[in-house]
Protein backbone atom coordinates (compact mmCIF):
# COMPACT_ATOMS: atom_id res chain seq x y z
CA MET A 1 24.44 -5.92 37.03
CA GLY A 2 21.18 -5.36 38.85
CA LEU A 3 22.60 -2.35 41.11
CA THR A 4 24.25 -0.58 38.22
CA SER A 5 20.83 -1.11 36.50
CA ALA A 6 19.11 0.45 39.36
CA LEU A 7 21.38 3.46 39.24
CA TYR A 8 20.67 4.08 35.39
CA THR A 9 16.76 3.51 36.11
CA GLY A 10 16.72 6.10 39.02
CA LEU A 11 18.70 8.33 36.61
CA SER A 12 16.03 8.06 33.95
CA GLY A 13 13.52 8.84 36.66
CA LEU A 14 15.26 12.20 37.57
CA ASN A 15 15.43 13.22 34.07
CA ALA A 16 11.76 12.61 33.17
CA SER A 17 10.79 14.48 36.18
CA GLN A 18 13.11 17.36 35.78
CA PHE A 19 11.90 17.58 32.12
CA ARG A 20 8.30 17.52 33.31
CA LEU A 21 9.18 20.36 35.52
CA ASP A 22 10.44 22.08 32.59
CA ILE A 23 7.10 21.93 31.22
CA ILE A 24 5.20 22.70 34.19
CA GLY A 25 7.45 25.62 34.84
CA ASP A 26 6.65 27.20 31.02
CA ASN A 27 3.02 26.72 31.58
CA ILE A 28 2.96 28.70 34.96
CA ALA A 29 5.60 31.18 33.44
CA ASN A 30 3.05 31.98 30.80
CA ILE A 31 -0.15 31.82 32.87
CA ASN A 32 -0.78 35.44 31.64
CA THR A 33 0.55 35.30 28.26
CA THR A 34 -2.45 36.50 25.78
CA GLY A 35 -3.47 33.13 23.64
CA PHE A 36 -0.85 31.04 25.37
CA LYS A 37 -1.44 27.27 24.69
CA GLY A 38 -0.06 25.11 27.61
CA SER A 39 1.57 21.73 26.89
CA ARG A 40 1.73 18.47 28.85
CA THR A 41 4.34 15.69 28.99
CA LEU A 42 3.67 12.13 28.10
CA PHE A 43 6.23 9.42 29.54
CA GLN A 44 6.77 5.70 28.29
CA THR A 45 8.70 2.83 29.66
CA GLN A 46 12.20 2.91 28.25
CA PHE A 47 13.41 -0.80 27.94
CA ALA A 48 12.44 -4.06 29.63
CA ARG A 49 14.73 -6.73 30.55
CA THR A 50 13.24 -10.21 29.74
CA LEU A 51 14.03 -12.74 32.20
CA SER A 52 11.42 -15.37 31.18
CA ALA A 53 8.85 -14.85 28.07
CA GLY A 54 6.81 -17.17 29.86
CA THR A 55 5.34 -20.78 28.95
CA LYS A 56 1.99 -22.14 27.56
CA PRO A 57 -0.33 -23.76 29.07
CA GLY A 58 -0.30 -27.81 29.03
CA ASP A 59 -2.43 -30.90 29.79
CA ASN A 60 -0.24 -31.03 33.55
CA GLN A 61 0.55 -27.37 34.13
CA GLY A 62 -0.69 -24.18 33.58
CA GLY A 63 1.20 -21.36 31.80
CA THR A 64 3.76 -19.14 33.54
CA ASN A 65 3.73 -15.33 32.75
CA PRO A 66 6.68 -13.32 31.47
CA ALA A 67 9.12 -12.02 33.74
CA GLN A 68 10.60 -8.69 33.03
CA ILE A 69 12.29 -5.93 34.52
CA GLY A 70 11.88 -2.33 33.59
CA LEU A 71 15.07 -0.30 32.81
CA GLY A 72 13.68 3.29 33.28
CA VAL A 73 11.40 5.84 31.34
CA ASN A 74 11.51 7.75 28.54
CA ILE A 75 9.80 11.02 27.50
CA GLY A 76 7.13 9.70 24.94
CA ALA A 77 5.44 12.95 23.62
CA ILE A 78 4.77 16.66 24.63
CA GLN A 79 1.30 17.52 23.65
CA ARG A 80 0.17 21.12 23.25
CA SER A 81 -3.14 21.75 24.23
CA PHE A 82 -5.19 24.18 21.75
CA LEU A 83 -8.22 23.98 24.01
CA PRO A 84 -9.82 27.49 23.88
CA GLY A 85 -8.75 30.12 26.37
CA ALA A 86 -11.29 32.17 28.61
CA VAL A 87 -11.84 35.29 26.43
CA GLU A 88 -11.50 38.69 28.42
CA THR A 89 -13.41 42.05 27.16
CA THR A 90 -11.03 44.78 26.99
CA GLY A 91 -13.25 47.58 25.28
CA VAL A 92 -10.47 48.14 22.55
CA PRO A 93 -11.65 47.85 18.91
CA SER A 94 -8.42 46.59 17.56
CA ASP A 95 -8.22 43.52 19.89
CA LEU A 96 -9.46 40.41 18.46
CA ALA A 97 -10.28 36.82 19.73
CA ILE A 98 -11.01 33.75 18.03
CA GLU A 99 -13.77 31.89 19.67
CA GLY A 100 -13.09 28.44 18.31
CA ASP A 101 -10.94 26.78 15.89
CA GLY A 102 -7.99 29.07 13.77
CA PHE A 103 -5.25 31.32 14.16
CA PHE A 104 -4.71 34.68 12.92
CA VAL A 105 -2.44 34.98 9.68
CA LEU A 106 0.66 37.48 10.26
CA ARG A 107 3.38 38.48 7.85
CA THR A 108 6.81 38.84 9.43
CA PRO A 109 9.12 41.85 8.07
CA GLU A 110 11.24 38.90 6.17
CA ASN A 111 7.95 38.20 4.50
CA GLU A 112 7.60 34.88 6.33
CA GLN A 113 3.68 33.52 7.19
CA VAL A 114 3.25 32.88 10.76
CA PHE A 115 0.07 32.08 12.82
CA SER A 116 -0.87 33.28 16.35
CA ARG A 117 -4.06 33.29 18.85
CA ASP A 118 -2.85 36.39 20.19
CA GLY A 119 -5.08 39.02 18.87
CA SER A 120 -3.53 42.20 20.82
CA PHE A 121 -3.54 44.36 17.85
CA THR A 122 -2.79 48.05 17.03
CA LEU A 123 -2.97 50.61 14.30
CA SER A 124 0.62 51.47 12.84
CA ALA A 125 1.75 55.27 11.66
CA ASP A 126 0.62 53.98 8.03
CA ASN A 127 -2.86 52.63 9.55
CA ARG A 128 -2.21 48.92 9.09
CA LEU A 129 -3.22 46.39 11.47
CA ILE A 130 -0.08 44.91 13.21
CA SER A 131 0.77 42.49 16.01
CA ALA A 132 2.73 43.57 18.92
CA ASP A 133 5.90 42.69 17.37
CA GLY A 134 5.02 44.65 14.20
CA PHE A 135 4.01 41.59 12.21
CA PHE A 136 1.07 42.46 9.77
CA VAL A 137 -2.05 41.14 9.86
CA GLN A 138 -3.43 39.32 6.78
CA GLY A 139 -6.70 39.75 5.62
CA TYR A 140 -8.84 40.56 2.51
CA GLY A 141 -8.89 44.13 0.92
CA VAL A 142 -11.54 46.00 -1.03
CA ASN A 143 -11.88 47.43 -4.40
CA SER A 144 -12.56 51.18 -5.13
CA ASN A 145 -16.45 50.65 -4.89
CA PHE A 146 -15.82 49.15 -1.10
CA GLU A 147 -16.50 45.55 -2.55
CA LEU A 148 -14.68 42.72 -1.04
CA ILE A 149 -11.92 41.02 -2.95
CA PRO A 150 -12.05 37.72 -1.66
CA GLY A 151 -8.82 35.27 -2.04
CA ALA A 152 -6.25 38.29 -2.54
CA LEU A 153 -4.73 38.09 1.09
CA GLY A 154 -3.00 41.28 1.82
CA ASP A 155 -1.95 43.58 4.62
CA VAL A 156 -5.10 44.64 6.61
CA SER A 157 -5.52 48.78 6.44
CA ILE A 158 -7.74 50.95 8.37
CA PRO A 159 -7.12 54.59 7.40
CA LEU A 160 -8.36 56.17 10.25
CA GLY A 161 -8.74 60.54 9.42
CA VAL A 162 -7.43 59.67 6.29
CA LEU A 163 -9.54 57.82 3.93
CA THR A 164 -12.62 60.04 2.46
CA THR A 165 -15.45 58.78 0.48
CA ALA A 166 -18.60 59.92 -1.16
CA LYS A 167 -21.62 58.18 -2.74
CA ALA A 168 -23.70 59.23 -5.54
CA THR A 169 -27.62 59.07 -5.22
CA GLU A 170 -29.16 55.97 -6.96
CA GLU A 171 -32.35 55.89 -5.27
CA ALA A 172 -35.00 58.46 -3.39
CA VAL A 173 -37.91 57.17 -1.53
CA LEU A 174 -41.00 59.56 -1.47
CA ASP A 175 -43.50 59.17 1.02
CA GLY A 176 -46.77 61.20 1.76
CA THR A 177 -50.74 61.40 0.97
CA LEU A 178 -51.97 62.87 -2.29
CA ASN A 179 -55.40 63.91 -2.55
CA SER A 180 -56.94 62.34 -5.43
CA THR A 181 -60.45 63.94 -4.97
CA GLY A 182 -58.68 67.28 -5.69
CA GLU A 183 -59.47 69.57 -8.78
CA VAL A 184 -58.17 67.71 -11.95
CA ALA A 185 -55.22 69.95 -13.67
CA THR A 186 -56.20 70.66 -17.17
CA GLN A 187 -54.13 74.11 -17.79
CA GLY A 188 -50.99 76.03 -16.81
CA ASN A 189 -51.02 79.88 -16.45
CA ILE A 190 -50.20 81.82 -19.55
CA LEU A 191 -47.76 84.68 -19.44
CA GLN A 192 -48.06 87.38 -22.45
CA SER A 193 -45.54 90.16 -23.13
CA GLN A 194 -46.34 93.72 -24.41
CA ILE A 195 -47.21 93.89 -28.26
CA LEU A 196 -44.06 93.83 -30.53
CA TYR A 197 -43.32 95.49 -33.64
CA ASP A 198 -41.32 94.97 -36.43
CA ALA A 199 -38.61 97.91 -36.49
CA THR A 200 -38.17 98.23 -40.16
CA THR A 201 -41.75 98.36 -41.05
CA GLY A 202 -43.39 99.61 -38.34
CA LEU A 203 -46.01 96.72 -38.31
CA GLN A 204 -47.30 94.51 -35.56
CA LEU A 205 -45.81 91.24 -35.27
CA ASP A 206 -48.00 87.99 -35.94
CA ASN A 207 -47.70 84.14 -35.12
CA VAL A 208 -46.52 83.66 -38.48
CA THR A 209 -43.67 85.95 -39.37
CA GLY A 210 -42.73 86.66 -35.58
CA PRO A 211 -40.76 83.51 -34.68
CA THR A 212 -38.32 84.31 -37.44
CA THR A 213 -37.88 87.55 -36.89
CA ALA A 214 -34.30 89.10 -35.37
CA LEU A 215 -34.13 90.42 -32.22
CA THR A 216 -32.18 93.01 -33.22
CA ASN A 217 -35.31 94.14 -35.74
CA ILE A 218 -38.14 94.58 -32.77
CA ARG A 219 -39.74 97.28 -31.29
CA SER A 220 -42.16 97.90 -28.11
CA THR A 221 -44.14 100.66 -30.10
CA ALA A 222 -45.22 101.14 -33.43
CA GLY A 223 -43.62 102.89 -36.21
CA VAL A 224 -40.12 102.65 -37.64
CA GLY A 225 -37.11 103.28 -35.46
CA PRO A 226 -34.39 101.73 -33.49
CA SER A 227 -34.50 98.38 -31.82
CA ILE A 228 -35.18 97.49 -28.30
CA LEU A 229 -31.92 94.95 -28.64
CA ASN A 230 -28.83 95.05 -30.42
CA ASN A 231 -25.94 92.30 -30.96
CA GLY A 232 -24.27 91.56 -27.88
CA ASP A 233 -26.69 92.98 -25.51
CA ILE A 234 -27.38 90.39 -22.59
CA ILE A 235 -30.64 89.60 -21.26
CA ARG A 236 -30.72 88.12 -17.79
CA ILE A 237 -33.45 86.43 -15.93
CA ASP A 238 -33.13 86.58 -12.23
CA GLY A 239 -35.89 86.02 -9.78
CA VAL A 240 -38.22 84.57 -12.24
CA LYS A 241 -40.38 82.30 -9.82
CA ARG A 242 -42.34 78.66 -10.32
CA GLY A 243 -45.01 77.88 -7.97
CA GLY A 244 -43.47 80.92 -5.86
CA ARG A 245 -39.95 79.16 -5.98
CA ASP A 246 -37.14 80.90 -7.50
CA VAL A 247 -35.79 79.79 -10.81
CA PRO A 248 -32.15 79.41 -11.22
CA GLY A 249 -30.98 82.70 -13.25
CA GLU A 250 -29.43 82.30 -16.50
CA GLN A 251 -28.52 84.91 -19.56
CA PHE A 252 -29.10 85.27 -23.26
CA ILE A 253 -26.32 86.97 -25.32
CA VAL A 254 -28.05 88.37 -28.67
CA GLY A 255 -26.33 86.91 -31.56
CA THR A 256 -24.48 84.54 -29.67
CA THR A 257 -27.27 82.51 -27.62
CA GLY A 258 -29.15 83.26 -30.73
CA THR A 259 -30.67 85.44 -33.12
CA THR A 260 -34.25 85.24 -33.83
CA ILE A 261 -37.57 85.60 -31.27
CA ALA A 262 -37.72 81.60 -31.93
CA ASP A 263 -34.24 81.39 -30.49
CA PHE A 264 -35.32 83.54 -27.61
CA LEU A 265 -38.66 81.64 -27.06
CA ALA A 266 -36.57 78.26 -27.02
CA TRP A 267 -34.17 79.61 -24.18
CA MET A 268 -36.97 80.89 -22.23
CA ASP A 269 -38.50 77.45 -22.37
CA GLU A 270 -35.51 76.01 -20.98
CA ALA A 271 -34.53 78.74 -18.44
CA THR A 272 -38.21 78.86 -16.79
CA GLY A 273 -38.51 74.88 -16.88
CA ILE A 274 -41.62 74.32 -18.79
CA ASP A 275 -41.55 70.69 -19.66
CA THR A 276 -42.89 69.97 -22.94
CA THR A 277 -42.74 66.21 -22.93
CA ALA A 278 -45.26 64.53 -25.16
CA GLY A 279 -48.71 63.77 -23.05
CA VAL A 280 -48.14 66.12 -20.37
CA ALA A 281 -51.61 68.33 -19.31
CA GLY A 282 -52.46 71.42 -21.11
CA ASN A 283 -50.37 73.06 -23.73
CA PRO A 284 -47.20 73.99 -22.23
CA GLY A 285 -44.71 75.95 -24.48
CA THR A 286 -43.88 79.21 -26.11
CA GLY A 287 -44.89 80.97 -29.03
CA VAL A 288 -46.17 84.38 -30.62
CA THR A 289 -49.55 85.40 -30.18
CA ALA A 290 -51.55 86.61 -33.40
CA ASP A 291 -51.52 89.99 -32.27
CA GLY A 292 -47.41 89.99 -31.96
CA ARG A 293 -47.09 88.91 -27.98
CA LEU A 294 -44.44 86.53 -26.77
CA GLU A 295 -46.43 83.86 -25.18
CA LEU A 296 -45.04 81.32 -22.35
CA ARG A 297 -47.57 78.66 -21.24
CA GLY A 298 -46.74 76.82 -18.23
CA ASN A 299 -47.17 73.49 -16.91
CA ALA A 300 -50.66 72.45 -15.32
CA GLY A 301 -50.83 72.45 -11.52
CA THR A 302 -50.83 75.45 -9.37
CA GLN A 303 -47.44 74.38 -7.97
CA ASN A 304 -46.15 75.29 -11.63
CA ALA A 305 -47.36 78.82 -12.13
CA LEU A 306 -44.81 80.80 -13.84
CA SER A 307 -44.27 84.71 -12.52
CA ILE A 308 -42.32 87.05 -13.95
CA GLN A 309 -42.16 90.02 -12.16
CA ALA A 310 -40.82 93.78 -13.12
CA GLY A 311 -37.16 93.88 -12.86
CA THR A 312 -36.60 90.23 -13.02
CA LEU A 313 -35.64 90.20 -16.77
CA LEU A 314 -33.37 92.88 -17.60
CA SER A 315 -31.14 94.01 -20.39
CA ASN A 316 -27.98 96.20 -21.15
CA GLY A 317 -29.46 97.34 -24.29
CA PRO A 318 -31.17 100.55 -25.21
CA GLU A 319 -34.33 99.52 -23.20
CA GLN A 320 -33.52 98.06 -19.89
CA ILE A 321 -36.55 96.26 -19.38
CA PRO A 322 -37.14 94.90 -23.10
CA PHE A 323 -40.03 92.67 -22.20
CA SER A 324 -42.89 93.18 -19.59
CA PHE A 325 -44.84 89.60 -19.22
CA THR A 326 -48.52 89.68 -17.71
CA GLU A 327 -50.58 86.67 -16.83
CA SER A 328 -53.37 86.17 -18.87
CA GLN A 329 -54.57 82.54 -17.77
CA ALA A 330 -54.09 81.22 -14.16
CA ALA A 331 -53.05 77.53 -13.68
CA ASN A 332 -55.50 75.18 -11.95
CA GLY A 333 -55.33 71.82 -10.62
CA GLU A 334 -54.44 70.05 -6.93
CA SER A 335 -50.77 69.83 -6.99
CA THR A 336 -48.14 69.76 -4.14
CA HIS A 337 -44.14 70.42 -3.87
CA THR A 338 -41.11 69.16 -1.90
CA THR A 339 -37.55 69.84 -2.31
CA PHE A 340 -34.89 67.84 -1.22
CA ILE A 341 -30.85 67.04 -1.58
CA VAL A 342 -29.34 64.19 -3.44
CA TYR A 343 -25.50 63.94 -4.35
CA ASP A 344 -23.03 63.23 -7.30
CA THR A 345 -19.98 60.93 -7.45
CA LEU A 346 -17.84 63.49 -5.69
CA GLY A 347 -20.56 63.97 -2.99
CA SER A 348 -21.50 67.57 -4.05
CA PRO A 349 -24.89 68.35 -2.99
CA ILE A 350 -27.95 68.71 -5.78
CA THR A 351 -31.17 70.22 -4.76
CA VAL A 352 -34.12 68.38 -6.86
CA ASP A 353 -37.65 70.08 -6.68
CA LEU A 354 -40.46 67.87 -6.94
CA THR A 355 -43.93 68.84 -7.98
CA MET A 356 -47.03 66.35 -8.12
CA VAL A 357 -50.05 67.20 -9.83
CA LEU A 358 -53.11 65.37 -10.27
CA GLU A 359 -53.49 64.77 -14.26
CA GLU A 360 -56.45 62.20 -14.63
CA ARG A 361 -59.11 60.88 -12.38
CA THR A 362 -61.58 57.99 -13.86
CA THR A 363 -63.81 55.51 -11.79
CA GLY A 364 -61.40 53.59 -9.88
CA GLN A 365 -58.23 55.22 -10.67
CA SER A 366 -56.39 58.16 -10.26
CA VAL A 367 -53.06 59.35 -12.17
CA TRP A 368 -50.49 62.24 -10.93
CA ARG A 369 -47.73 63.28 -13.04
CA PHE A 370 -44.32 64.41 -11.37
CA TYR A 371 -42.36 67.38 -12.80
CA ALA A 372 -38.72 66.84 -11.32
CA ASN A 373 -36.39 70.22 -11.87
CA SER A 374 -32.96 70.95 -10.69
CA GLY A 375 -30.89 74.23 -10.64
CA ASP A 376 -27.79 72.31 -10.04
CA ASP A 377 -28.39 70.89 -13.72
CA SER A 378 -25.25 71.96 -15.76
CA ASP A 379 -27.18 72.95 -18.82
CA VAL A 380 -29.81 75.79 -19.35
CA GLU A 381 -32.87 73.37 -18.91
CA PHE A 382 -33.10 72.82 -15.48
CA THR A 383 -36.43 70.08 -16.27
CA ILE A 384 -34.87 66.78 -15.40
CA GLY A 385 -37.38 64.51 -15.75
CA THR A 386 -41.55 63.97 -15.53
CA GLY A 387 -43.54 60.63 -15.09
CA THR A 388 -47.03 59.57 -14.00
CA LEU A 389 -48.15 57.21 -11.19
CA THR A 390 -51.28 55.59 -10.73
CA PHE A 391 -53.36 54.64 -7.85
CA ASP A 392 -56.25 52.08 -7.48
CA ALA A 393 -59.87 52.87 -5.92
CA ASN A 394 -58.42 52.22 -2.49
CA GLY A 395 -55.80 54.96 -2.60
CA GLN A 396 -53.01 52.31 -3.12
CA PHE A 397 -49.59 52.72 -5.47
CA THR A 398 -50.40 50.45 -8.31
CA GLU A 399 -47.33 51.77 -11.07
CA ALA A 400 -44.83 54.39 -11.77
CA PRO A 401 -43.48 53.52 -15.63
CA GLN A 402 -41.15 56.39 -15.97
CA ASN A 403 -39.79 56.84 -12.56
CA GLY A 404 -36.52 58.07 -13.35
CA VAL A 405 -34.47 61.53 -13.81
CA VAL A 406 -31.42 62.50 -15.17
CA ILE A 407 -29.36 65.22 -14.05
CA ASN A 408 -26.54 66.48 -16.20
CA ARG A 409 -23.43 66.86 -14.71
CA VAL A 410 -20.97 68.01 -17.40
CA ASP A 411 -17.97 69.75 -16.35
CA SER A 412 -18.50 69.32 -12.49
CA GLY A 413 -15.72 66.85 -12.17
CA ALA A 414 -18.14 64.18 -11.23
CA ILE A 415 -19.49 61.12 -13.42
CA ASP A 416 -22.22 62.66 -15.87
CA PRO A 417 -24.77 62.22 -16.37
CA LEU A 418 -26.52 61.26 -12.65
CA ALA A 419 -28.99 58.95 -12.90
CA ILE A 420 -31.76 58.62 -9.65
CA GLN A 421 -34.74 56.45 -9.54
CA PHE A 422 -37.75 57.48 -7.60
CA ASP A 423 -39.46 54.90 -5.32
CA PHE A 424 -43.28 56.17 -5.08
CA SER A 425 -44.41 52.79 -3.23
CA LYS A 426 -44.92 54.33 0.17
CA ILE A 427 -47.45 57.07 -1.25
CA SER A 428 -51.17 56.91 -1.20
CA GLY A 429 -53.49 58.74 -3.07
CA LEU A 430 -56.32 59.16 -0.55
CA ASN A 431 -58.92 61.60 0.29
CA THR A 432 -57.15 64.28 2.49
CA ASP A 433 -57.35 67.92 3.12
CA ASP A 434 -53.74 68.86 1.53
CA SER A 435 -51.49 67.13 -0.75
CA ALA A 436 -48.20 66.53 0.91
CA VAL A 437 -45.05 64.19 -0.17
CA VAL A 438 -41.55 64.33 1.63
CA MET A 439 -38.36 62.44 0.59
CA SER A 440 -37.77 59.85 3.21
CA PHE A 441 -34.64 58.49 2.45
CA GLN A 442 -32.10 58.41 -0.36
CA ASP A 443 -28.99 56.25 -0.68
CA GLY A 444 -26.25 59.00 -1.49
CA PHE A 445 -23.92 60.68 0.86
CA ALA A 446 -21.85 63.94 0.89
CA THR A 447 -17.79 63.86 1.29
CA GLY A 448 -16.88 62.19 4.62
CA THR A 449 -13.58 61.04 6.43
CA LEU A 450 -13.67 57.51 8.09
CA ILE A 451 -13.97 58.05 11.74
CA ASP A 452 -14.34 54.54 13.60
CA TYR A 453 -14.89 51.02 12.69
CA ASN A 454 -15.93 47.84 13.88
CA ILE A 455 -15.15 44.20 13.27
CA GLY A 456 -17.77 41.60 13.05
CA GLN A 457 -18.03 37.70 14.03
CA ASP A 458 -17.35 37.11 10.26
CA GLY A 459 -14.24 39.27 10.35
CA LEU A 460 -15.61 42.14 8.28
CA ILE A 461 -14.31 45.46 9.19
CA LEU A 462 -17.13 47.97 8.61
CA GLY A 463 -15.95 51.56 8.62
CA THR A 464 -18.42 54.77 9.59
CA PHE A 465 -17.77 58.01 8.13
CA SER A 466 -18.40 61.49 9.38
CA ASN A 467 -21.33 61.55 6.79
CA GLY A 468 -23.11 58.74 8.35
CA LEU A 469 -21.97 56.11 5.31
CA ASN A 470 -20.83 52.59 6.57
CA GLN A 471 -18.64 50.87 4.13
CA THR A 472 -16.62 47.52 4.09
CA LEU A 473 -12.81 47.96 4.64
CA GLY A 474 -11.56 44.40 4.43
CA GLN A 475 -11.95 41.19 6.45
CA ILE A 476 -9.68 39.55 8.64
CA SER A 477 -8.44 35.83 7.56
CA VAL A 478 -8.50 33.07 9.53
CA ALA A 479 -6.36 29.84 9.17
CA THR A 480 -7.24 26.45 10.09
CA PHE A 481 -5.12 23.30 10.26
CA ALA A 482 -5.71 19.58 9.98
CA ASN A 483 -3.44 18.83 13.04
CA PRO A 484 -2.76 22.30 14.87
CA GLU A 485 -0.64 20.20 17.49
CA GLY A 486 1.72 19.56 14.59
CA LEU A 487 2.78 23.27 14.32
CA LEU A 488 6.18 24.39 15.27
CA ALA A 489 6.02 27.26 18.07
CA ARG A 490 8.44 30.22 18.00
CA SER A 491 8.58 33.45 19.92
CA ASN A 492 6.34 36.29 19.95
CA ASN A 493 3.22 33.80 20.61
CA THR A 494 3.49 32.56 16.83
CA TYR A 495 3.75 29.36 15.25
CA PHE A 496 5.11 27.98 11.74
CA VAL A 497 3.89 25.00 9.75
CA GLY A 498 5.38 21.94 11.14
CA PRO A 499 5.88 18.70 9.12
CA ASN A 500 3.03 17.01 10.62
CA SER A 501 0.71 20.08 11.17
CA GLY A 502 -0.55 19.97 7.28
CA GLU A 503 -1.14 23.17 5.01
CA ALA A 504 -2.69 25.85 6.43
CA ARG A 505 -6.54 26.55 4.99
CA ILE A 506 -6.65 30.20 4.91
CA THR A 507 -10.36 31.32 4.94
CA ALA A 508 -12.61 34.01 6.14
CA PRO A 509 -13.84 33.30 9.70
CA LEU A 510 -16.81 31.10 10.20
CA VAL A 511 -15.94 29.21 6.75
CA LEU A 512 -14.70 25.68 6.50
CA GLY A 513 -14.88 25.29 10.28
CA ALA A 514 -12.96 28.34 11.19
CA GLY A 515 -14.16 30.20 14.59
CA LYS A 516 -15.69 33.18 14.91
CA ILE A 517 -13.93 36.97 15.66
CA SER A 518 -14.84 38.43 19.04
CA ALA A 519 -13.58 42.45 18.52
CA GLY A 520 -12.83 44.11 21.90
CA SER A 521 -11.59 41.08 23.44
CA LEU A 522 -8.49 38.89 24.07
CA GLU A 523 -8.13 35.19 24.50
CA LEU A 524 -6.46 34.09 27.98
CA SER A 525 -3.90 31.87 28.46
CA ASN A 526 -5.57 28.29 28.58
CA VAL A 527 -3.23 26.72 31.28
CA ASP A 528 -4.91 25.69 34.49
CA LEU A 529 -2.96 26.88 37.61
CA SER A 530 -4.24 24.52 39.92
CA ARG A 531 -3.75 21.41 37.79
CA GLU A 532 -0.07 23.16 37.29
CA PHE A 533 0.40 23.23 41.11
CA ILE A 534 -0.74 19.29 41.71
CA ASN A 535 1.78 18.11 38.47
CA LEU A 536 4.46 20.27 40.38
CA ILE A 537 3.76 18.56 43.50
CA THR A 538 3.92 15.12 41.93
CA SER A 539 6.58 15.72 39.55
CA SER A 540 8.90 16.83 42.51
CA THR A 541 7.60 14.04 44.49
CA ALA A 542 8.74 12.07 41.59
CA PHE A 543 12.08 13.36 41.12
CA SER A 544 12.75 12.92 44.81
CA ALA A 545 11.88 8.97 45.00
CA ALA A 546 13.84 8.71 41.59
CA SER A 547 16.97 10.46 43.51
CA ARG A 548 16.28 7.66 46.28
CA VAL A 549 16.62 4.88 44.06
CA VAL A 550 19.95 6.24 43.10
CA SER A 551 21.25 6.85 46.84
CA THR A 552 19.95 3.55 47.93
CA SER A 553 21.73 1.79 45.01
CA ASP A 554 24.97 3.76 45.98
CA GLN A 555 24.78 2.59 49.55
CA LEU A 556 24.25 -1.05 48.52
CA LEU A 557 27.30 -0.92 46.20
CA GLN A 558 29.21 0.46 48.92
CA GLU A 559 28.13 -2.20 51.31
CA LEU A 560 29.18 -4.69 48.64
CA LEU A 561 32.46 -3.05 47.98
CA LEU A 562 33.07 -3.56 51.89
CA VAL A 563 32.31 -7.08 51.73
CA ALA A 564 34.48 -7.70 48.74
CA ARG A 565 37.39 -5.91 50.72
CA ARG A 566 37.13 -8.34 53.62
């Protein structure tokens, strides 16, 4: 019985050592496997034959200890170590490593959910982030406004060279200095046409009946005769200037756009950008003078001065130049001008002209007015807004109650209208030689294509577009487990949820104990090669020793058989 037991005890030692050698061999074989987690073998005694349970101590004799003979070894457990491996920098933006707890979440072609520490990902032909085996990396997507949709797990997509985007301007920041000690603007310039006459009566027009007179019933000379305009004639303005800058060209069709002088003057008011908002300085607008002249009264400030040179207002009617305007009053007032570009929702560039005019100055305060115009406004009137900004006695900006403008974008394909807020807080109103204002920042962008991306520690994927725009494209998700050692390993460096692992808690990185993402890096195997070599030596020694038990027991049995034969 004893020798036979020794044989089986030695056999259990052989099996245990052989099993441990298998684990060691697997660890060493995967020393270069990305994200591999090594395992270790734990042994337990198998059985114990009790010869005596021992006795209790008494008055006359001390107690005795148990007498037991072990009957071999058993595999107690195989524990996988999830200690972090070293992180290697690769420089490849799609390579990811998790520093801390957690696993990447992958979707297999069979729609199974598996987990991995191997972050050697690439982009597929359809721009989805995939593992080396083609499993889809899971994460959170964004909506059409590039706003993250938390909780909606799906395939991570990074559409390089495919995704295009634009952003409409919502805010423009102005910077500069305005000379609040300059001349206060009190008047705009006045342009007047030649004297006009009624073609039927031959009499000079006046400011009472003139506005209601039909365009087809006016002459440039006294007396009865043919009119200078007929129905269907086209009047074009092209080259009209405002503060020396070109005003967008427009056309007026007699009988269609309007029929009377009042209609034509209202059109001129819009086409030349005269702002008649209540409260503006001077008396801007249009009208007919008492002596029968058409009159255009521009906005205050030298930068708002209108100029209609000969040849800039033409007609295809009987008279090529139906109206000739000359200046009868000059504009005055400290003013400055700047031009800048903003964008609509399609990324189309829109030019905005901004004129700043010193409108009022009192003790301890100066008030400037801005006039905003845009030739890209979709209607005839290219005035898009006006408002005031106030500076205190120290030249510091205090308020701008009306700081927004609206640009019409009808039939442009973009959202209509485009509303923009101006930020004047960086402008000062000090004593300077010249007023100067520039647009230092605006938050819109032209159309751009995704050209690059990077992934942050929180898993957010930030895309860089060719127009300089940076937008969130999604977020990598991370799964954590109450007991990661309970996961079931499978091929492809992946794991399944096991009976004792607990359910996966899928979150963003750095949430609920999940680790952070290191982009452009990979986690190496956590196998300690020197320790494995030591384990290899001790296991092989144990195997040899166990085999010696078997061979010695066999020799003793052989001796016993020889004695029995005698």
